[in-house]
N, C-alpha and C. Protein backbone atom coordinates (compact mmCIF):
# COMPACT_ATOMS: atom_id res chain seq x y z
N UNK A 1 -1.21 -18.64 77.84
CA UNK A 1 -1.63 -17.26 77.87
C UNK A 1 -0.45 -16.41 78.32
N UNK A 2 -0.23 -15.31 77.60
CA UNK A 2 0.82 -14.37 77.97
C UNK A 2 0.27 -13.43 79.04
N UNK A 3 0.98 -13.31 80.15
CA UNK A 3 0.63 -12.32 81.16
C UNK A 3 1.87 -11.49 81.45
N UNK A 4 1.68 -10.17 81.51
CA UNK A 4 2.82 -9.29 81.68
C UNK A 4 2.44 -8.04 82.46
N UNK A 5 3.41 -7.49 83.15
CA UNK A 5 3.19 -6.23 83.86
C UNK A 5 3.29 -5.03 82.94
N UNK A 6 3.80 -5.23 81.75
CA UNK A 6 3.97 -4.13 80.80
C UNK A 6 2.65 -3.84 80.07
N UNK A 7 2.47 -2.64 79.55
CA UNK A 7 1.23 -2.30 78.87
C UNK A 7 1.13 -2.86 77.44
N UNK A 8 2.22 -3.36 76.93
CA UNK A 8 2.25 -3.95 75.58
C UNK A 8 3.03 -5.25 75.62
N UNK A 9 2.94 -6.00 74.52
CA UNK A 9 3.72 -7.23 74.38
C UNK A 9 4.63 -7.04 73.18
N UNK A 10 5.92 -7.09 73.42
CA UNK A 10 6.88 -6.84 72.36
C UNK A 10 6.63 -7.76 71.17
N UNK A 11 6.56 -7.16 69.99
CA UNK A 11 6.38 -7.92 68.76
C UNK A 11 4.94 -8.35 68.51
N UNK A 12 4.01 -7.98 69.37
CA UNK A 12 2.61 -8.36 69.21
C UNK A 12 1.75 -7.10 69.13
N UNK A 13 0.78 -7.12 68.25
CA UNK A 13 -0.18 -6.01 68.19
C UNK A 13 -1.42 -6.40 68.96
N UNK A 14 -1.86 -5.53 69.85
CA UNK A 14 -3.10 -5.78 70.59
C UNK A 14 -4.25 -5.41 69.67
N UNK A 15 -5.07 -6.41 69.33
CA UNK A 15 -6.17 -6.21 68.39
C UNK A 15 -7.46 -5.79 69.08
N UNK A 16 -7.63 -6.22 70.34
CA UNK A 16 -8.87 -5.90 71.04
C UNK A 16 -8.63 -5.88 72.54
N UNK A 17 -9.19 -4.87 73.19
CA UNK A 17 -9.16 -4.76 74.64
C UNK A 17 -10.51 -5.23 75.16
N UNK A 18 -10.50 -6.27 75.98
CA UNK A 18 -11.75 -6.88 76.44
C UNK A 18 -12.20 -6.37 77.81
N UNK A 19 -11.33 -5.74 78.54
CA UNK A 19 -11.71 -5.18 79.83
C UNK A 19 -10.82 -5.64 80.97
N UNK A 20 -11.11 -5.08 82.12
CA UNK A 20 -10.35 -5.39 83.34
C UNK A 20 -10.71 -6.79 83.81
N UNK A 21 -9.70 -7.50 84.25
CA UNK A 21 -9.89 -8.84 84.77
C UNK A 21 -9.08 -8.95 86.07
N UNK A 22 -9.59 -9.73 87.02
CA UNK A 22 -8.86 -9.86 88.29
C UNK A 22 -8.98 -11.26 88.86
N UNK A 23 -8.18 -11.50 89.85
CA UNK A 23 -8.22 -12.73 90.63
C UNK A 23 -7.89 -12.36 92.06
N UNK A 24 -8.57 -12.98 92.99
CA UNK A 24 -8.31 -12.67 94.38
C UNK A 24 -8.33 -13.93 95.24
N UNK A 25 -7.49 -13.90 96.27
CA UNK A 25 -7.38 -15.01 97.19
C UNK A 25 -7.23 -14.43 98.59
N UNK A 26 -7.92 -15.03 99.55
CA UNK A 26 -7.74 -14.65 100.95
C UNK A 26 -7.23 -15.88 101.68
N UNK A 27 -6.09 -15.72 102.33
CA UNK A 27 -5.44 -16.83 103.03
C UNK A 27 -5.48 -16.60 104.52
N UNK A 28 -5.76 -17.66 105.25
CA UNK A 28 -5.65 -17.63 106.71
C UNK A 28 -4.33 -18.25 107.11
N UNK A 29 -3.63 -17.59 108.00
CA UNK A 29 -2.35 -18.12 108.49
C UNK A 29 -2.63 -18.83 109.80
N UNK A 30 -2.23 -20.09 109.91
CA UNK A 30 -2.57 -20.86 111.10
C UNK A 30 -1.54 -20.68 112.23
N UNK A 31 -1.87 -21.21 113.37
CA UNK A 31 -1.06 -21.06 114.58
C UNK A 31 0.36 -21.57 114.40
N UNK A 32 0.52 -22.71 113.76
CA UNK A 32 1.85 -23.31 113.61
C UNK A 32 2.75 -22.40 112.77
N UNK A 33 2.22 -21.86 111.70
CA UNK A 33 3.01 -20.96 110.87
C UNK A 33 3.32 -19.67 111.62
N UNK A 34 2.36 -19.17 112.40
CA UNK A 34 2.62 -17.98 113.23
C UNK A 34 3.73 -18.26 114.23
N UNK A 35 3.70 -19.44 114.84
CA UNK A 35 4.72 -19.81 115.83
C UNK A 35 6.09 -19.90 115.17
N UNK A 36 6.16 -20.55 114.01
CA UNK A 36 7.43 -20.68 113.29
C UNK A 36 7.96 -19.32 112.86
N UNK A 37 7.06 -18.45 112.41
CA UNK A 37 7.47 -17.11 112.01
C UNK A 37 7.97 -16.33 113.22
N UNK A 38 7.34 -16.53 114.37
CA UNK A 38 7.79 -15.87 115.59
C UNK A 38 9.20 -16.28 115.97
N UNK A 39 9.52 -17.56 115.81
CA UNK A 39 10.88 -18.04 116.08
C UNK A 39 11.87 -17.40 115.11
N UNK A 40 11.48 -17.31 113.87
CA UNK A 40 12.34 -16.67 112.87
C UNK A 40 12.58 -15.22 113.25
N UNK A 41 11.55 -14.55 113.74
CA UNK A 41 11.67 -13.16 114.16
C UNK A 41 12.67 -13.03 115.30
N UNK A 42 12.68 -13.98 116.22
CA UNK A 42 13.60 -13.95 117.36
C UNK A 42 15.02 -14.27 116.93
N UNK A 43 15.19 -15.33 116.16
CA UNK A 43 16.52 -15.82 115.82
C UNK A 43 17.05 -15.29 114.49
N UNK A 44 16.23 -14.65 113.71
CA UNK A 44 16.65 -14.11 112.42
C UNK A 44 16.45 -15.11 111.30
N UNK A 45 16.61 -14.64 110.10
CA UNK A 45 16.47 -15.50 108.93
C UNK A 45 15.16 -15.26 108.22
N UNK A 46 14.90 -16.10 107.23
CA UNK A 46 13.69 -15.99 106.41
C UNK A 46 12.59 -16.86 106.97
N UNK A 47 11.36 -16.41 106.82
CA UNK A 47 10.20 -17.18 107.24
C UNK A 47 9.69 -17.99 106.05
N UNK A 48 10.20 -19.18 105.90
CA UNK A 48 9.87 -20.03 104.76
C UNK A 48 8.37 -20.34 104.74
N UNK A 49 7.77 -20.54 105.92
CA UNK A 49 6.35 -20.89 105.94
C UNK A 49 5.50 -19.76 105.38
N UNK A 50 5.80 -18.51 105.72
CA UNK A 50 5.06 -17.38 105.16
C UNK A 50 5.37 -17.19 103.68
N UNK A 51 6.62 -17.39 103.30
CA UNK A 51 6.98 -17.26 101.89
C UNK A 51 6.21 -18.27 101.05
N UNK A 52 6.08 -19.49 101.53
CA UNK A 52 5.33 -20.51 100.80
C UNK A 52 3.87 -20.12 100.67
N UNK A 53 3.29 -19.54 101.71
CA UNK A 53 1.90 -19.07 101.65
C UNK A 53 1.75 -17.97 100.60
N UNK A 54 2.70 -17.03 100.57
CA UNK A 54 2.66 -15.94 99.59
C UNK A 54 2.74 -16.47 98.16
N UNK A 55 3.67 -17.39 97.93
CA UNK A 55 3.85 -17.96 96.60
C UNK A 55 2.58 -18.70 96.17
N UNK A 56 2.04 -19.54 97.05
CA UNK A 56 0.84 -20.30 96.72
C UNK A 56 -0.35 -19.37 96.46
N UNK A 57 -0.51 -18.36 97.30
CA UNK A 57 -1.61 -17.42 97.13
C UNK A 57 -1.50 -16.63 95.84
N UNK A 58 -0.30 -16.17 95.53
CA UNK A 58 -0.09 -15.42 94.28
C UNK A 58 -0.40 -16.29 93.07
N UNK A 59 0.07 -17.54 93.08
CA UNK A 59 -0.18 -18.45 91.96
C UNK A 59 -1.67 -18.71 91.79
N UNK A 60 -2.40 -18.89 92.90
CA UNK A 60 -3.85 -19.14 92.81
C UNK A 60 -4.58 -17.92 92.27
N UNK A 61 -4.18 -16.73 92.72
CA UNK A 61 -4.82 -15.50 92.23
C UNK A 61 -4.55 -15.31 90.73
N UNK A 62 -3.33 -15.60 90.30
CA UNK A 62 -3.01 -15.50 88.87
C UNK A 62 -3.81 -16.52 88.06
N UNK A 63 -3.92 -17.74 88.57
CA UNK A 63 -4.71 -18.78 87.87
C UNK A 63 -6.16 -18.34 87.73
N UNK A 64 -6.72 -17.76 88.79
CA UNK A 64 -8.11 -17.30 88.74
C UNK A 64 -8.28 -16.18 87.71
N UNK A 65 -7.32 -15.25 87.67
CA UNK A 65 -7.38 -14.15 86.71
C UNK A 65 -7.30 -14.69 85.28
N UNK A 66 -6.39 -15.61 85.02
CA UNK A 66 -6.24 -16.20 83.69
C UNK A 66 -7.53 -16.93 83.28
N UNK A 67 -8.12 -17.66 84.20
CA UNK A 67 -9.35 -18.38 83.91
C UNK A 67 -10.47 -17.41 83.51
N UNK A 68 -10.58 -16.31 84.22
CA UNK A 68 -11.61 -15.31 83.89
C UNK A 68 -11.33 -14.66 82.53
N UNK A 69 -10.05 -14.40 82.25
CA UNK A 69 -9.69 -13.79 80.97
C UNK A 69 -10.02 -14.73 79.81
N UNK A 70 -9.76 -16.02 79.98
CA UNK A 70 -10.09 -17.01 78.94
C UNK A 70 -11.59 -17.02 78.67
N UNK A 71 -12.39 -16.95 79.72
CA UNK A 71 -13.85 -16.94 79.54
C UNK A 71 -14.31 -15.69 78.78
N UNK A 72 -13.53 -14.62 78.85
CA UNK A 72 -13.85 -13.40 78.11
C UNK A 72 -13.40 -13.49 76.66
N UNK A 73 -12.59 -14.51 76.33
CA UNK A 73 -12.08 -14.66 74.97
C UNK A 73 -10.69 -14.10 74.78
N UNK A 74 -10.00 -13.78 75.86
CA UNK A 74 -8.65 -13.21 75.78
C UNK A 74 -7.60 -14.29 75.57
N UNK A 75 -6.48 -13.88 74.96
CA UNK A 75 -5.33 -14.78 74.87
C UNK A 75 -4.08 -14.15 75.50
N UNK A 76 -4.29 -13.01 76.17
CA UNK A 76 -3.19 -12.36 76.89
C UNK A 76 -3.77 -11.39 77.92
N UNK A 77 -2.95 -11.06 78.92
CA UNK A 77 -3.32 -10.06 79.92
C UNK A 77 -2.13 -9.12 80.07
N UNK A 78 -2.39 -7.84 79.91
CA UNK A 78 -1.32 -6.85 80.02
C UNK A 78 -1.55 -5.96 81.24
N UNK A 79 -0.48 -5.30 81.66
CA UNK A 79 -0.55 -4.33 82.74
C UNK A 79 -0.95 -4.92 84.08
N UNK A 80 -0.53 -6.16 84.36
CA UNK A 80 -0.97 -6.76 85.61
C UNK A 80 -0.30 -6.08 86.81
N UNK A 81 -1.04 -6.08 87.90
CA UNK A 81 -0.58 -5.52 89.17
C UNK A 81 -0.94 -6.53 90.25
N UNK A 82 -0.04 -6.73 91.19
CA UNK A 82 -0.28 -7.66 92.29
C UNK A 82 -0.24 -6.87 93.59
N UNK A 83 -1.31 -6.97 94.37
CA UNK A 83 -1.41 -6.26 95.65
C UNK A 83 -1.61 -7.25 96.78
N UNK A 84 -1.00 -6.93 97.92
CA UNK A 84 -1.12 -7.74 99.12
C UNK A 84 -1.68 -6.86 100.24
N UNK A 85 -2.58 -7.42 101.03
CA UNK A 85 -3.17 -6.67 102.13
C UNK A 85 -3.38 -7.61 103.31
N UNK A 86 -3.04 -7.15 104.51
CA UNK A 86 -3.25 -7.92 105.72
C UNK A 86 -4.65 -7.60 106.24
N UNK A 87 -5.40 -8.64 106.58
CA UNK A 87 -6.78 -8.50 107.05
C UNK A 87 -6.99 -9.26 108.35
N UNK A 88 -8.15 -9.06 108.92
CA UNK A 88 -8.57 -9.86 110.06
C UNK A 88 -8.03 -9.38 111.38
N UNK A 89 -8.61 -9.93 112.41
CA UNK A 89 -8.18 -9.61 113.76
C UNK A 89 -6.73 -10.05 113.95
N UNK A 90 -5.90 -9.17 114.45
CA UNK A 90 -4.47 -9.44 114.66
C UNK A 90 -3.72 -9.74 113.37
N UNK A 91 -4.23 -9.30 112.24
CA UNK A 91 -3.54 -9.52 110.97
C UNK A 91 -3.38 -10.98 110.62
N UNK A 92 -4.38 -11.79 110.94
CA UNK A 92 -4.27 -13.24 110.77
C UNK A 92 -4.63 -13.73 109.37
N UNK A 93 -5.02 -12.81 108.49
CA UNK A 93 -5.38 -13.21 107.13
C UNK A 93 -4.68 -12.30 106.14
N UNK A 94 -4.45 -12.82 104.95
CA UNK A 94 -3.82 -12.04 103.90
C UNK A 94 -4.65 -12.14 102.63
N UNK A 95 -4.84 -10.99 101.99
CA UNK A 95 -5.57 -10.94 100.72
C UNK A 95 -4.56 -10.63 99.62
N UNK A 96 -4.63 -11.39 98.56
CA UNK A 96 -3.80 -11.16 97.38
C UNK A 96 -4.74 -10.91 96.21
N UNK A 97 -4.56 -9.76 95.56
CA UNK A 97 -5.41 -9.40 94.43
C UNK A 97 -4.51 -9.10 93.23
N UNK A 98 -4.81 -9.73 92.10
CA UNK A 98 -4.11 -9.42 90.86
C UNK A 98 -5.12 -8.84 89.88
N UNK A 99 -4.69 -7.81 89.18
CA UNK A 99 -5.56 -7.11 88.24
C UNK A 99 -4.80 -6.86 86.95
N UNK A 100 -5.48 -6.91 85.83
CA UNK A 100 -4.85 -6.61 84.55
C UNK A 100 -5.93 -6.32 83.50
N UNK A 101 -5.48 -6.14 82.28
CA UNK A 101 -6.39 -5.89 81.17
C UNK A 101 -6.36 -7.10 80.24
N UNK A 102 -7.51 -7.73 80.04
CA UNK A 102 -7.64 -8.86 79.14
C UNK A 102 -7.64 -8.33 77.70
N UNK A 103 -6.79 -8.95 76.86
CA UNK A 103 -6.67 -8.48 75.48
C UNK A 103 -6.60 -9.68 74.52
N UNK A 104 -6.77 -9.36 73.24
CA UNK A 104 -6.57 -10.33 72.16
C UNK A 104 -5.41 -9.80 71.33
N UNK A 105 -4.39 -10.64 71.15
CA UNK A 105 -3.25 -10.26 70.32
C UNK A 105 -3.26 -11.04 69.03
């Protein structure tokens, strides 16, 4: 399935717009990752543990969106947008939402 942030797919004609499709994931960050990120904050550098959570969460949200688009009969998703939001007490959870338009090319 083609997924793109652009409103069109180069060289492809969109034959049918099936509607908005999304995928969402809420991740809890555990104590160990918080501790490791705190050390990174003190000593500098990248927080690999948080980066891995972001990557995994984004991939799961995209997979969920693609699965929903397939059930609608789509073979592509255009205009996707990825949003991140911190939730929960003390910002201990992260929500990742991807949205796009399911289409047939």
